[in-house]
């Protein structure tokens, strides 16, 4: 199962549970209280906010724990100088 299919099936399960509660199709009236009904209406907004916060936290964590690679830096600099030398031999002029 692909990640898209997982997200779509989770979204369908959410809508399958949220819509009947919102429309009052449940055997037990869940949304008789106005405050509770408001929170049921705002549940998708809460989920989007939670998703955004978790995503931001993951990005910040991965940026903080990003590793430096001094060996890769040296190798890349060496390859750049080799490429520049090769281009100079072929007549390219660097400023």
Protein backbone atom coordinates (compact mmCIF):
# COMPACT_ATOMS: atom_id res chain seq x y z
CA UNK A 1 0.00 0.00 0.00
CA UNK A 2 1.42 3.35 -1.00
CA UNK A 3 1.60 6.35 1.31
CA UNK A 4 -1.11 8.09 -0.76
CA UNK A 5 -3.45 5.16 -0.26
CA UNK A 6 -2.77 5.21 3.49
CA UNK A 7 -3.59 8.93 3.71
CA UNK A 8 -6.70 8.54 1.57
CA UNK A 9 -8.00 5.63 3.62
CA UNK A 10 -7.36 7.52 6.87
CA UNK A 11 -9.17 10.55 5.44
CA UNK A 12 -12.11 8.42 4.38
CA UNK A 13 -12.31 6.83 7.82
CA UNK A 14 -12.27 10.29 9.41
CA UNK A 15 -15.03 11.58 7.13
CA UNK A 16 -16.96 8.35 7.70
CA UNK A 17 -16.95 9.02 11.45
CA UNK A 18 -17.16 12.83 11.39
CA UNK A 19 -20.03 13.30 8.93
CA UNK A 20 -22.61 11.11 10.74
CA UNK A 21 -21.82 12.79 14.06
CA UNK A 22 -22.08 16.21 12.44
CA UNK A 23 -25.33 15.43 10.64
CA UNK A 24 -26.92 13.75 13.66
CA UNK A 25 -27.18 10.30 12.12
CA UNK A 26 -25.88 8.58 15.26
CA UNK A 27 -28.31 6.67 17.50
CA UNK A 28 -27.17 8.71 20.50
CA UNK A 29 -27.42 12.49 19.99
CA UNK A 30 -23.81 13.59 20.44
CA UNK A 31 -24.19 17.19 19.36
CA UNK A 32 -27.02 18.41 21.56
CA UNK A 33 -24.67 20.78 23.38
CA UNK A 34 -23.83 23.90 21.31
CA UNK A 35 -20.22 24.00 22.53
CA UNK A 36 -19.71 20.35 21.63
CA UNK A 37 -21.33 20.91 18.24
CA UNK A 38 -18.90 23.79 17.59
CA UNK A 39 -15.93 21.56 18.40
CA UNK A 40 -17.27 18.85 16.11
CA UNK A 41 -17.49 21.43 13.33
CA UNK A 42 -13.93 22.59 14.04
CA UNK A 43 -12.40 19.10 14.22
CA UNK A 44 -10.89 19.31 10.68
CA UNK A 45 -9.30 22.66 11.58
CA UNK A 46 -7.85 21.14 14.76
CA UNK A 47 -6.42 18.25 12.73
CA UNK A 48 -4.82 20.57 10.16
CA UNK A 49 -3.27 22.65 12.94
CA UNK A 50 -1.97 19.55 14.69
CA UNK A 51 -0.52 18.27 11.41
CA UNK A 52 1.23 21.60 10.84
CA UNK A 53 2.69 21.69 14.34
CA UNK A 54 3.97 18.12 14.12
CA UNK A 55 5.46 18.78 10.68
CA UNK A 56 7.20 21.94 11.91
CA UNK A 57 8.56 20.08 14.94
CA UNK A 58 9.92 17.28 12.73
CA UNK A 59 11.59 19.77 10.37
CA UNK A 60 13.15 21.71 13.27
CA UNK A 61 14.42 18.51 14.89
CA UNK A 62 15.98 17.29 11.65
CA UNK A 63 17.63 20.68 11.03
CA UNK A 64 19.06 20.70 14.58
CA UNK A 65 20.46 17.18 14.23
CA UNK A 66 21.83 17.65 10.69
CA UNK A 67 25.33 16.20 10.45
CA UNK A 68 28.30 17.99 8.93
CA UNK A 69 30.30 15.95 6.47
CA UNK A 70 33.85 17.32 6.35
CA UNK A 71 35.11 14.41 4.23
CA UNK A 72 32.39 14.95 1.65
CA UNK A 73 33.20 18.68 1.66
CA UNK A 74 36.87 17.99 0.93
CA UNK A 75 35.97 15.51 -1.81
CA UNK A 76 33.57 17.97 -3.43
CA UNK A 77 36.13 20.79 -3.32
CA UNK A 78 38.69 18.44 -4.94
CA UNK A 79 36.23 17.54 -7.70
CA UNK A 80 35.47 21.23 -8.31
CA UNK A 81 39.15 22.08 -8.68
CA UNK A 82 39.64 19.10 -11.02
CA UNK A 83 36.71 20.26 -13.15
CA UNK A 84 38.04 23.82 -13.24
CA UNK A 85 41.51 22.59 -14.27
CA UNK A 86 39.96 20.45 -17.00
CA UNK A 87 37.94 23.39 -18.29
CA UNK A 88 41.03 25.65 -18.23
CA UNK A 89 42.89 23.10 -20.37
CA UNK A 90 40.00 23.20 -22.85
CA UNK A 91 40.18 27.00 -23.09
CA UNK A 92 37.56 28.20 -20.61
CA UNK A 93 38.55 31.29 -18.63
CA UNK A 94 37.39 31.84 -15.02
CA UNK A 95 37.07 35.37 -13.63
